[in-house]
């Protein structure tokens, strides 16, 4: 005789929640969650401790309307920095969640080079908050690619992980293979702007038939760190050549250098108002 045991679905859901809670508690007891930056034990996974959190500089308004570099004094809406006023860029707008400095460098490099991919759960919401204006107009998210040899060695593309996570949160489609790195370049960490620009020239290409995905669309380029802009410039030019209507940029972090405001009147007069800072 077969005996059928059935339980209300609510009871099964509650039981599953209890089991998951017990599992998480046991795991935390054996491998307690640690601060993304310093490794100290924290109460919540994928978080920063009370000592490291204040060291992270979030980039908030007022910002340059083009490159997103922060201004140190109040600025009118739509103000641009002196560098953007004087330079033509292939992308329309760039935004970043945090400054790349001593407070963030350690956990970003751990994410990039030391398999701390769990940190994407923390980073993606930061990026979505910082990039809400560019995400709202994006038709598709495209990560900056790694050359296949570097991807093979690293096992993952950190920009692709950020793009996928941000895309899920923002409800935007992501194409991780649309751009490819056609030329291997050496690591750019210690290179200056001109050297970087020369190394990434012709380094990117749109992958085959996937070029149709950008035709007439606004693309949001995703990367981990905006340094001099050489990589994003090269990627943006490639996407525009493939038919993209426009390209914006969203990164987890950016180098913040002294910047100046160049409003319409200052630009016309040729004398920007100095704030003590020049964007990357």
Foldseek 3Di string as FASTA:
>chain_A
DDDDDDDPPVVVVVVVVVVVVVVVVVCCVVVNAAALAPGHGDDDHLHHDPVLVVLWAFQDPPAAAAEGFHFPDHDDPNWHWPVPLVDDFLAGHEWAGTACDPSCVRSLCCCQAVVVVVNLVVLLVSLCVGCVPVLVQFQEEEEQEAAPVVCVVRVDASQQSSRVSNCVVSVHHYDHQQKHFQDHFDDCVVPDPVVLLVRRAVRMAGPPPSLVVQAAGEYEYEDAEAENCSSVRNVSVRNVVSHHPHYYYTYHHYHHFFIFIQGPVNVVVVHTHGRGTHGD
